[in-house]
Amino acid sequence: MSELLQILDLAEKIARDAGALLIERPSKFSLDEKSGVLDFATQMDHASEKLIVDAITSHRPHDGLLGEEGTERAGTSGFTWVIDPIDGTVNYLYDLPGWCISIGVKDSDGYCVGVIYSPTTQSLWKAARGHGAFLNGNQIRCNEPVTLDRALLGTGFAYDRERRKTQSEFIKNLLPHIRDLRRMGACAADVSSVAAGALDGFFETGVNEWDFAASFVIAREAGAEVLARPVWNGSKFLIVVAGPTLHKALVDLIDGSDLA
């Protein structure tokens, strides 16, 4: 077995273990009575990242690490794990489905392994460079070709209210030209849904590397094209993911707007 497939198997096991930790949560009612859901979600974010980091360190002590909750370590092996312990934290906070664990790995050639696990929807997407993309063990492909007027798109919005004004203006202009739009709240799962054909495309401004690292491997292996462009003085990224036909149309639209 190649090293990438070994890493993929490890990432899948770790993602499932983190999912088992996170799915065991009290009811929202009991949380409101005690420390509050916000404190609880923050604690679980840290607990999930610790579980993931401890497992990686135990099995691959020479790999680098980059995590949303502050983990950062240079490695010597040539591989760096990029971790989002809970992608879709607001969904998790409100006990809505679709939040996920995102574990990606990159090497000198870019992102090479990705696992996204959504316990509430019983969905596990995974891919390793050159080995295809899979959802719950079944190989997946993105929808292609799809024209803009037939496209079901996903997106997300910034937390900053001022930045949402620009995003809402773009959405207002976009809606008459597409089939419809979805906003489900977890970037990694949404990009993986493009890979599986459940969405035709996805775009979002203001995401971090750990939001898309794993899902980009899955999308590429499923035949989609991906774009990650630094925005906001390089502090965040604009991402666009879709099959080749739709990807070009979306990028052209975005390039002609204030969203870029």
Protein backbone atom coordinates (compact mmCIF):
# COMPACT_ATOMS: atom_id res chain seq x y z
CA MET A 1 0.00 0.00 0.00
CA SER A 2 1.29 3.46 -0.91
CA GLU A 3 2.05 5.95 1.85
CA LEU A 4 -0.84 8.17 0.74
CA LEU A 5 -3.31 5.31 1.18
CA GLN A 6 -1.84 4.53 4.59
CA ILE A 7 -2.31 8.17 5.58
CA LEU A 8 -5.86 8.09 4.18
CA ASP A 9 -6.76 5.06 6.29
CA LEU A 10 -5.36 6.74 9.39
CA ALA A 11 -7.21 10.00 8.66
CA GLU A 12 -10.48 8.10 8.26
CA LYS A 13 -10.05 6.31 11.58
CA ILE A 14 -9.20 9.55 13.37
CA ALA A 15 -12.17 11.38 11.80
CA ARG A 16 -14.55 8.63 12.91
CA ASP A 17 -13.13 8.72 16.44
CA ALA A 18 -13.57 12.50 16.57
CA GLY A 19 -17.13 12.09 15.28
CA ALA A 20 -17.90 9.60 18.05
CA LEU A 21 -16.63 12.12 20.60
CA LEU A 22 -18.64 15.00 19.18
CA ILE A 23 -21.95 13.21 18.57
CA GLU A 24 -22.28 12.43 22.29
CA ARG A 25 -23.66 15.78 23.32
CA PRO A 26 -26.33 16.75 25.86
CA SER A 27 -29.61 18.21 24.68
CA LYS A 28 -29.72 21.92 23.90
CA PHE A 29 -32.13 22.37 26.82
CA SER A 30 -29.72 20.95 29.40
CA LEU A 31 -26.88 23.04 27.96
CA ASP A 32 -28.93 26.22 28.30
CA GLU A 33 -29.42 25.37 31.96
CA LYS A 34 -25.73 24.81 32.65
CA SER A 35 -22.69 26.41 31.02
CA GLY A 36 -24.47 27.41 27.81
CA VAL A 37 -24.19 26.09 24.29
CA LEU A 38 -21.50 28.56 23.23
CA ASP A 39 -19.09 27.50 25.96
CA PHE A 40 -19.88 23.87 25.25
CA ALA A 41 -19.22 24.20 21.49
CA THR A 42 -15.88 25.91 22.19
CA GLN A 43 -14.87 23.17 24.62
CA MET A 44 -15.79 20.46 22.12
CA ASP A 45 -13.86 22.20 19.33
CA HIS A 46 -10.74 22.03 21.51
CA ALA A 47 -11.45 18.46 22.63
CA SER A 48 -11.87 17.30 19.05
CA GLU A 49 -8.65 18.96 17.92
CA LYS A 50 -6.76 17.44 20.86
CA LEU A 51 -8.05 13.96 19.98
CA ILE A 52 -7.03 14.41 16.35
CA VAL A 53 -3.61 15.89 17.12
CA ASP A 54 -2.79 13.25 19.74
CA ALA A 55 -3.67 10.46 17.29
CA ILE A 56 -1.59 11.94 14.48
CA THR A 57 1.36 12.56 16.77
CA SER A 58 1.17 9.01 18.09
CA HIS A 59 1.23 7.42 14.64
CA ARG A 60 3.25 9.99 12.64
CA PRO A 61 5.42 12.04 15.02
CA HIS A 62 7.45 13.68 12.23
CA ASP A 63 4.52 15.18 10.31
CA GLY A 64 3.61 18.85 10.50
CA LEU A 65 0.32 20.10 11.94
CA LEU A 66 -1.98 23.07 11.32
CA GLY A 67 -5.27 23.24 13.22
CA GLU A 68 -8.08 25.75 13.51
CA GLU A 69 -7.89 25.82 17.29
CA GLY A 70 -4.24 26.87 17.39
CA THR A 71 -2.21 23.73 16.77
CA GLU A 72 0.81 24.52 14.61
CA ARG A 73 3.97 22.49 14.27
CA ALA A 74 6.57 22.20 11.54
CA GLY A 75 7.38 18.65 10.50
CA THR A 76 10.34 16.92 8.90
CA SER A 77 8.54 14.20 6.91
CA GLY A 78 7.26 16.39 4.08
CA PHE A 79 3.61 15.94 5.14
CA THR A 80 1.48 18.49 7.02
CA TRP A 81 -1.97 17.74 8.40
CA VAL A 82 -4.55 20.55 8.09
CA ILE A 83 -7.32 20.09 10.63
CA ASP A 84 -10.76 21.56 11.25
CA PRO A 85 -12.06 19.76 14.36
CA ILE A 86 -15.63 21.02 13.82
CA ASP A 87 -16.45 22.61 10.47
CA GLY A 88 -19.87 24.18 10.76
CA THR A 89 -19.52 25.13 14.41
CA VAL A 90 -22.73 27.19 14.33
CA ASN A 91 -24.63 24.11 13.16
CA TYR A 92 -23.07 22.18 16.02
CA LEU A 93 -23.93 25.01 18.41
CA TYR A 94 -27.61 24.92 17.43
CA ASP A 95 -27.75 21.11 17.12
CA LEU A 96 -28.38 21.28 13.37
CA PRO A 97 -27.15 18.51 11.04
CA GLY A 98 -24.30 18.82 8.56
CA TRP A 99 -21.37 19.85 10.75
CA CYS A 100 -18.32 17.74 10.08
CA ILE A 101 -14.73 16.89 10.91
CA SER A 102 -12.26 17.87 8.19
CA ILE A 103 -8.79 16.31 8.04
CA GLY A 104 -6.53 17.14 5.11
CA VAL A 105 -2.88 16.46 4.37
CA LYS A 106 -0.53 18.34 2.06
CA ASP A 107 2.95 17.67 0.70
CA SER A 108 5.32 19.56 -1.57
CA ASP A 109 2.90 19.11 -4.50
CA GLY A 110 -0.17 20.41 -2.67
CA TYR A 111 -3.14 18.77 -0.97
CA CYS A 112 -2.89 15.01 -1.27
CA VAL A 113 -5.28 13.36 1.24
CA GLY A 114 -8.70 14.41 2.46
CA VAL A 115 -11.33 12.97 4.79
CA ILE A 116 -14.60 14.71 5.70
CA TYR A 117 -16.90 13.00 8.18
CA SER A 118 -20.43 14.22 8.96
CA PRO A 119 -21.81 12.03 11.77
CA THR A 120 -25.32 13.52 11.73
CA THR A 121 -25.82 12.67 8.04
CA GLN A 122 -23.76 9.46 8.20
CA SER A 123 -21.57 10.70 5.35
CA LEU A 124 -17.86 10.08 4.96
CA TRP A 125 -16.11 11.52 1.91
CA LYS A 126 -12.50 10.62 1.29
CA ALA A 127 -9.80 10.79 -1.37
CA ALA A 128 -6.08 10.40 -1.94
CA ARG A 129 -4.29 11.94 -4.89
CA GLY A 130 -4.50 9.62 -7.88
CA HIS A 131 -6.85 7.14 -6.22
CA GLY A 132 -10.32 8.59 -6.83
CA ALA A 133 -12.93 10.08 -4.50
CA PHE A 134 -15.48 8.14 -2.46
CA LEU A 135 -18.64 8.72 -0.40
CA ASN A 136 -19.40 5.91 2.04
CA GLY A 137 -17.28 3.56 -0.05
CA ASN A 138 -18.85 4.38 -3.42
CA GLN A 139 -16.79 6.23 -6.04
CA ILE A 140 -18.16 9.68 -6.87
CA ARG A 141 -17.93 12.20 -9.73
CA CYS A 142 -19.00 15.82 -9.97
CA ASN A 143 -21.78 16.89 -12.36
CA GLU A 144 -20.38 17.88 -15.76
CA PRO A 145 -21.28 19.63 -17.96
CA VAL A 146 -23.59 22.06 -16.14
CA THR A 147 -24.49 25.47 -17.48
CA LEU A 148 -25.00 28.40 -15.14
CA ASP A 149 -28.76 28.59 -15.74
CA ARG A 150 -29.16 24.94 -14.62
CA ALA A 151 -26.81 25.13 -11.66
CA LEU A 152 -27.72 24.38 -8.06
CA LEU A 153 -25.06 26.24 -6.08
CA GLY A 154 -23.94 26.29 -2.48
CA THR A 155 -22.36 29.20 -0.65
CA GLY A 156 -21.52 30.62 2.77
CA PHE A 157 -21.37 34.08 4.29
CA ALA A 158 -18.85 36.00 6.37
CA TYR A 159 -19.43 36.59 10.06
CA ASP A 160 -18.57 40.27 9.60
CA ARG A 161 -21.79 42.15 8.81
CA GLU A 162 -20.12 44.80 6.66
CA ARG A 163 -18.60 42.15 4.41
CA ARG A 164 -22.00 40.51 4.09
CA LYS A 165 -23.29 43.62 2.32
CA THR A 166 -20.96 42.96 -0.62
CA GLN A 167 -21.82 39.26 -0.57
CA SER A 168 -25.57 39.91 -0.51
CA GLU A 169 -25.28 42.26 -3.49
CA PHE A 170 -23.52 39.53 -5.47
CA ILE A 171 -26.20 36.99 -4.48
CA LYS A 172 -28.97 39.37 -5.55
CA ASN A 173 -27.42 39.65 -9.00
CA LEU A 174 -26.67 35.92 -9.23
CA LEU A 175 -30.06 34.44 -8.29
CA PRO A 176 -31.91 35.28 -11.55
CA HIS A 177 -29.24 33.40 -13.55
CA ILE A 178 -29.11 30.03 -11.72
CA ARG A 179 -31.43 27.15 -10.79
CA ASP A 180 -31.23 27.88 -7.04
CA LEU A 181 -28.93 28.47 -4.09
CA ARG A 182 -28.28 26.57 -0.85
CA ARG A 183 -26.52 27.70 2.33
CA MET A 184 -25.99 24.70 4.63
CA GLY A 185 -23.28 25.95 6.96
CA ALA A 186 -20.22 23.70 6.62
CA CYS A 187 -17.77 24.56 3.84
CA ALA A 188 -15.94 21.22 3.83
CA ALA A 189 -19.15 19.18 3.55
CA ASP A 190 -20.53 21.55 0.89
CA VAL A 191 -17.44 21.23 -1.31
CA SER A 192 -17.60 17.46 -0.87
CA SER A 193 -21.24 17.61 -1.95
CA VAL A 194 -20.06 19.13 -5.23
CA ALA A 195 -17.72 16.17 -5.61
CA ALA A 196 -20.64 13.78 -5.10
CA GLY A 197 -23.01 15.63 -7.44
CA ALA A 198 -25.37 16.76 -4.67
CA LEU A 199 -24.48 20.36 -5.59
CA ASP A 200 -23.30 21.59 -8.98
CA GLY A 201 -20.93 24.18 -7.57
CA PHE A 202 -19.84 26.03 -4.46
CA PHE A 203 -18.28 29.42 -3.78
CA GLU A 204 -17.46 31.32 -0.62
CA THR A 205 -15.37 34.31 0.37
CA GLY A 206 -13.59 34.55 3.71
CA VAL A 207 -12.63 30.96 4.44
CA ASN A 208 -9.46 29.57 6.01
CA GLU A 209 -7.15 26.86 4.69
CA TRP A 210 -8.50 24.25 7.13
CA ASP A 211 -12.01 24.87 5.76
CA PHE A 212 -11.14 23.57 2.29
CA ALA A 213 -7.83 21.63 2.39
CA ALA A 214 -9.36 18.16 2.73
CA SER A 215 -12.36 18.79 0.49
CA PHE A 216 -10.19 20.10 -2.36
CA VAL A 217 -8.55 16.67 -2.65
CA ILE A 218 -11.98 15.05 -2.79
CA ALA A 219 -13.31 17.54 -5.35
CA ARG A 220 -10.30 17.21 -7.66
CA GLU A 221 -10.37 13.43 -7.53
CA ALA A 222 -14.07 13.62 -8.47
CA GLY A 223 -13.28 15.66 -11.58
CA ALA A 224 -14.05 19.16 -10.28
CA GLU A 225 -11.89 22.23 -10.69
CA VAL A 226 -10.95 24.24 -7.61
CA LEU A 227 -9.78 27.79 -7.03
CA ALA A 228 -8.44 29.27 -3.79
CA ARG A 229 -7.54 32.94 -4.07
CA PRO A 230 -6.23 35.07 -1.16
CA VAL A 231 -8.56 37.95 -0.22
CA TRP A 232 -8.86 40.55 2.52
CA ASN A 233 -5.13 41.38 2.46
CA GLY A 234 -4.25 37.71 2.38
CA SER A 235 -5.96 36.86 5.66
CA LYS A 236 -8.68 34.69 4.07
CA PHE A 237 -9.50 32.89 0.81
CA LEU A 238 -12.13 33.05 -1.90
CA ILE A 239 -12.87 29.52 -3.11
CA VAL A 240 -14.78 28.29 -6.17
CA VAL A 241 -15.46 24.60 -6.83
CA ALA A 242 -17.41 23.07 -9.73
CA GLY A 243 -17.11 20.90 -12.81
CA PRO A 244 -14.98 22.52 -15.54
CA THR A 245 -17.86 24.07 -17.54
CA LEU A 246 -19.58 25.68 -14.57
CA HIS A 247 -16.32 26.57 -12.84
CA LYS A 248 -15.29 28.87 -15.68
CA ALA A 249 -18.70 30.57 -15.71
CA LEU A 250 -18.63 31.13 -11.95
CA VAL A 251 -15.08 32.48 -11.91
CA ASP A 252 -15.92 34.85 -14.78
CA LEU A 253 -18.93 36.16 -12.83
CA ILE A 254 -16.95 36.59 -9.63
CA ASP A 255 -14.06 38.30 -11.42
CA GLY A 256 -16.51 40.91 -12.71
CA SER A 257 -17.88 41.64 -9.23
CA ASP A 258 -16.85 43.19 -5.92
CA LEU A 259 -16.73 39.72 -4.41
CA ALA A 260 -13.29 38.94 -5.90
